[in-house]
Amino acid sequence: MDGEFDDLWVVVPAYNEARVLDHVLTALTAQFPHVCVVDDASQDATAAIAAGFFDQGARLVRHPINLGQGAALQTGFDYALSDPLMARLVTFDADGQHLVSDAVRLARRLGDGFDVVLGSRFLGSAPQMGRLKRLVLKLAVAHTNFSTGVKLTDTHNGLRALSRKGVAAMNLSQSGMAHATEIVERVRTAGLSHTEEAVEIRYSDYSRSKGQSLLNSVNILVDLLVR
């Protein structure tokens, strides 16, 4: 590593990701020197695998009970903020659907003066996404755009980059999938400069089984409507 990302933390919320976490962390730690895995009370070997990457720069934080992805992200934010040298942060899903190369591009876009750079599969590609799932996610985007007043093309993408100012402004209280909308709300209320960047999402049988199914997309809509 050449030091480009010495001031950056990658936060990886994880719940029962033992099947793929080794691959994900191998790729991340090859590029980024600081990775925080937040184990949301997994019942498999997720924590043990994350702990095995200590020498590669990964740090493990564990929830004693399952609190949801929003809470896991906030735990990771708090951990990263405890490092006074942290100036940038990337959120990265543990199920293998994101590309490390996309994370690098998002992190570098912060250098253009943005507080938040949001990944968008609708500006990039998600070739395995079915038409019905695409429609449901588009409806979620429309709802979030209407409720927050921030116009985006993709509001439930786990790949994001934030400046330290952006991370400090989050203070997420939504534990479920509605945390993605809460992040957008924080962007608006804190007056954070933001942009979107095209990314690729690689759906697999595994990632679908872990929550990328059509049913989960419907759950996102329900979560938004009842929050």
Protein backbone atom coordinates (compact mmCIF):
# COMPACT_ATOMS: atom_id res chain seq x y z
CA MET A 1 0.00 0.00 0.00
CA ASP A 2 1.26 3.47 -0.85
CA GLY A 3 -0.42 5.37 1.99
CA GLU A 4 -3.20 6.88 -0.12
CA PHE A 5 -5.86 5.54 2.23
CA ASP A 6 -4.08 5.79 5.59
CA ASP A 7 -6.76 8.27 6.74
CA LEU A 8 -9.68 6.07 5.67
CA TRP A 9 -11.71 3.40 7.48
CA VAL A 10 -13.92 0.85 5.75
CA VAL A 11 -16.94 -0.18 7.84
CA VAL A 12 -18.37 -3.62 7.08
CA PRO A 13 -21.62 -4.53 8.87
CA ALA A 14 -21.84 -8.33 8.98
CA TYR A 15 -24.41 -10.89 10.09
CA ASN A 16 -23.77 -14.59 9.43
CA GLU A 17 -21.42 -13.94 6.52
CA ALA A 18 -18.89 -16.72 7.19
CA ARG A 19 -19.30 -18.22 3.71
CA VAL A 20 -17.98 -15.14 1.90
CA LEU A 21 -16.32 -12.89 4.49
CA ASP A 22 -12.84 -14.30 3.96
CA HIS A 23 -13.00 -13.38 0.27
CA VAL A 24 -14.43 -9.92 1.00
CA LEU A 25 -11.81 -9.08 3.64
CA THR A 26 -8.95 -10.44 1.52
CA ALA A 27 -9.93 -8.00 -1.23
CA LEU A 28 -10.55 -5.05 1.10
CA THR A 29 -7.37 -5.38 3.19
CA ALA A 30 -5.27 -5.63 0.04
CA GLN A 31 -6.36 -2.07 -0.79
CA PHE A 32 -7.32 -0.41 2.51
CA PRO A 33 -5.18 -0.48 5.68
CA HIS A 34 -8.07 0.08 8.12
CA VAL A 35 -11.21 -2.08 8.08
CA CYS A 36 -13.78 -2.31 10.88
CA VAL A 37 -16.06 -5.36 10.80
CA VAL A 38 -19.15 -4.95 12.98
CA ASP A 39 -20.43 -8.41 13.80
CA ASP A 40 -24.14 -8.02 14.53
CA ALA A 41 -24.38 -11.06 16.85
CA SER A 42 -23.69 -13.64 14.14
CA GLN A 43 -24.31 -17.29 14.97
CA ASP A 44 -21.66 -18.62 12.60
CA ALA A 45 -17.90 -18.09 12.27
CA THR A 46 -18.17 -14.47 11.07
CA ALA A 47 -16.40 -13.05 14.15
CA ALA A 48 -13.61 -15.64 14.03
CA ILE A 49 -12.94 -14.96 10.36
CA ALA A 50 -12.83 -11.19 10.92
CA ALA A 51 -10.49 -11.63 13.89
CA GLY A 52 -8.17 -13.65 11.66
CA PHE A 53 -7.49 -10.51 9.59
CA PHE A 54 -6.10 -8.54 12.54
CA ASP A 55 -2.58 -8.53 11.13
CA GLN A 56 -3.94 -7.19 7.82
CA GLY A 57 -5.51 -4.18 9.55
CA ALA A 58 -9.02 -5.44 10.23
CA ARG A 59 -10.63 -4.71 13.59
CA LEU A 60 -13.63 -6.52 15.01
CA VAL A 61 -16.47 -4.96 17.02
CA ARG A 62 -19.26 -7.27 18.19
CA HIS A 63 -22.88 -6.66 19.15
CA PRO A 64 -24.06 -9.00 21.94
CA ILE A 65 -27.52 -9.12 20.35
CA ASN A 66 -28.70 -8.62 16.78
CA LEU A 67 -29.56 -4.95 16.30
CA GLY A 68 -29.85 -4.58 12.52
CA GLN A 69 -27.74 -3.06 9.80
CA GLY A 70 -28.41 0.56 10.72
CA ALA A 71 -27.19 0.00 14.25
CA ALA A 72 -24.15 -1.91 12.97
CA LEU A 73 -23.24 1.00 10.71
CA GLN A 74 -23.55 3.50 13.56
CA THR A 75 -21.31 1.32 15.73
CA GLY A 76 -18.75 1.34 12.93
CA PHE A 77 -19.08 5.11 12.56
CA ASP A 78 -18.46 5.62 16.27
CA TYR A 79 -15.43 3.31 16.17
CA ALA A 80 -13.92 5.15 13.20
CA LEU A 81 -14.56 8.56 14.78
CA SER A 82 -12.50 7.44 17.79
CA ASP A 83 -9.46 7.54 15.48
CA PRO A 84 -8.38 11.21 15.36
CA LEU A 85 -6.59 10.59 12.06
CA MET A 86 -9.72 9.31 10.29
CA ALA A 87 -10.72 11.77 7.55
CA ARG A 88 -12.70 9.45 5.25
CA LEU A 89 -14.92 6.39 5.57
CA VAL A 90 -16.46 3.86 3.19
CA THR A 91 -19.40 1.58 3.99
CA PHE A 92 -19.17 -1.82 2.31
CA ASP A 93 -21.61 -4.75 2.47
CA ALA A 94 -20.23 -8.09 3.66
CA ASP A 95 -22.10 -10.31 1.20
CA GLY A 96 -19.72 -9.88 -1.73
CA GLN A 97 -21.97 -7.80 -3.97
CA HIS A 98 -19.71 -4.73 -4.06
CA LEU A 99 -16.42 -4.22 -5.92
CA VAL A 100 -13.37 -2.91 -4.08
CA SER A 101 -12.46 -0.95 -7.21
CA ASP A 102 -15.77 0.93 -6.88
CA ALA A 103 -14.99 1.68 -3.22
CA VAL A 104 -11.67 3.16 -4.31
CA ARG A 105 -13.38 5.43 -6.85
CA LEU A 106 -15.96 6.63 -4.32
CA ALA A 107 -13.25 7.38 -1.76
CA ARG A 108 -11.29 9.39 -4.30
CA ARG A 109 -14.37 11.43 -5.26
CA LEU A 110 -14.37 12.85 -1.73
CA GLY A 111 -11.25 14.67 -2.82
CA ASP A 112 -13.42 16.72 -5.18
CA GLY A 113 -14.90 18.49 -2.16
CA PHE A 114 -17.88 16.26 -1.36
CA ASP A 115 -18.94 15.21 2.13
CA VAL A 116 -20.86 12.19 0.88
CA VAL A 117 -20.55 10.10 -2.30
CA LEU A 118 -23.36 7.60 -2.79
CA GLY A 119 -23.01 4.55 -4.99
CA SER A 120 -25.76 4.06 -7.58
CA ARG A 121 -26.48 0.80 -9.37
CA PHE A 122 -28.89 2.69 -11.63
CA LEU A 123 -26.06 4.88 -12.92
CA GLY A 124 -23.85 1.80 -13.16
CA SER A 125 -25.00 -1.77 -13.61
CA ALA A 126 -26.73 -4.63 -11.86
CA PRO A 127 -27.20 -7.12 -14.69
CA GLN A 128 -28.66 -9.87 -12.52
CA MET A 129 -31.45 -7.66 -11.15
CA GLY A 130 -34.93 -8.76 -12.20
CA ARG A 131 -37.44 -6.32 -13.63
CA LEU A 132 -39.82 -6.56 -10.68
CA LYS A 133 -37.06 -5.97 -8.14
CA ARG A 134 -35.88 -3.00 -10.19
CA LEU A 135 -39.41 -1.58 -10.12
CA VAL A 136 -39.74 -2.02 -6.35
CA LEU A 137 -36.38 -0.35 -5.72
CA LYS A 138 -37.35 2.51 -8.03
CA LEU A 139 -40.49 2.99 -5.94
CA ALA A 140 -38.32 3.11 -2.82
CA VAL A 141 -36.14 5.74 -4.49
CA ALA A 142 -39.21 7.82 -5.39
CA HIS A 143 -40.50 7.63 -1.82
CA THR A 144 -37.16 8.63 -0.32
CA ASN A 145 -36.70 11.47 -2.78
CA PHE A 146 -40.18 12.78 -1.92
CA SER A 147 -39.79 12.42 1.86
CA THR A 148 -36.29 13.89 2.09
CA GLY A 149 -36.26 16.41 -0.74
CA VAL A 150 -32.91 15.02 -1.92
CA LYS A 151 -33.00 13.80 -5.52
CA LEU A 152 -31.06 10.58 -6.03
CA THR A 153 -31.17 7.61 -8.39
CA ASP A 154 -30.44 4.92 -5.79
CA THR A 155 -31.16 5.23 -2.08
CA HIS A 156 -30.61 1.69 -0.76
CA ASN A 157 -27.09 0.98 -1.91
CA GLY A 158 -24.70 -0.09 0.84
CA LEU A 159 -21.62 1.33 -0.87
CA ARG A 160 -20.98 4.92 0.23
CA ALA A 161 -18.07 7.22 1.01
CA LEU A 162 -18.21 9.92 3.65
CA SER A 163 -15.88 12.61 4.93
CA ARG A 164 -15.30 12.87 8.68
CA LYS A 165 -17.83 15.71 8.73
CA GLY A 166 -20.32 13.44 6.99
CA VAL A 167 -19.73 10.56 9.41
CA ALA A 168 -20.13 12.84 12.43
CA ALA A 169 -23.47 14.08 11.09
CA MET A 170 -25.06 10.62 10.85
CA ASN A 171 -26.12 9.57 14.40
CA LEU A 172 -28.41 6.89 13.00
CA SER A 173 -31.40 5.80 15.09
CA GLN A 174 -33.10 3.50 12.56
CA SER A 175 -31.87 -0.06 13.04
CA GLY A 176 -33.64 -1.66 10.06
CA MET A 177 -33.45 -0.94 6.34
CA ALA A 178 -34.95 2.52 6.88
CA HIS A 179 -31.46 3.60 7.96
CA ALA A 180 -30.68 4.20 4.27
CA THR A 181 -33.37 6.87 4.10
CA GLU A 182 -32.17 8.26 7.42
CA ILE A 183 -28.69 8.70 5.92
CA VAL A 184 -30.20 10.75 3.09
CA GLU A 185 -32.14 12.82 5.62
CA ARG A 186 -28.92 13.54 7.49
CA VAL A 187 -27.33 14.67 4.23
CA ARG A 188 -30.11 17.22 3.84
CA THR A 189 -30.44 18.43 7.43
CA ALA A 190 -26.67 18.77 7.93
CA GLY A 191 -26.25 20.52 4.58
CA LEU A 192 -23.68 17.98 3.41
CA SER A 193 -22.33 18.34 -0.10
CA HIS A 194 -23.06 15.14 -1.98
CA THR A 195 -23.00 13.38 -5.32
CA GLU A 196 -23.65 9.94 -6.80
CA GLU A 197 -21.15 7.64 -8.49
CA ALA A 198 -21.92 4.73 -10.80
CA VAL A 199 -21.14 1.33 -9.27
CA GLU A 200 -21.67 -2.29 -10.20
CA ILE A 201 -23.70 -4.66 -8.04
CA ARG A 202 -22.97 -8.35 -8.48
CA TYR A 203 -25.96 -10.32 -7.31
CA SER A 204 -25.39 -14.01 -6.64
CA ASP A 205 -27.45 -16.87 -5.27
CA TYR A 206 -25.73 -16.22 -1.95
CA SER A 207 -26.40 -12.48 -1.82
CA ARG A 208 -30.02 -13.08 -2.78
CA SER A 209 -30.35 -15.56 0.07
CA LYS A 210 -28.85 -12.97 2.41
CA GLY A 211 -31.44 -10.28 1.74
CA GLN A 212 -31.15 -9.15 -1.88
CA SER A 213 -34.32 -11.00 -2.87
CA LEU A 214 -37.48 -9.39 -4.18
CA LEU A 215 -39.11 -10.00 -0.81
CA ASN A 216 -36.44 -7.92 0.89
CA SER A 217 -37.06 -5.09 -1.57
CA VAL A 218 -40.72 -5.17 -0.62
CA ASN A 219 -39.69 -5.11 3.05
CA ILE A 220 -37.73 -1.94 2.33
CA LEU A 221 -40.91 -0.26 1.10
CA VAL A 222 -42.86 -1.45 4.12
CA ASP A 223 -40.11 -0.23 6.45
CA LEU A 224 -40.19 3.18 4.81
CA LEU A 225 -43.96 3.51 5.09
CA VAL A 226 -44.24 2.53 8.77
CA ARG A 227 -41.16 4.30 10.19
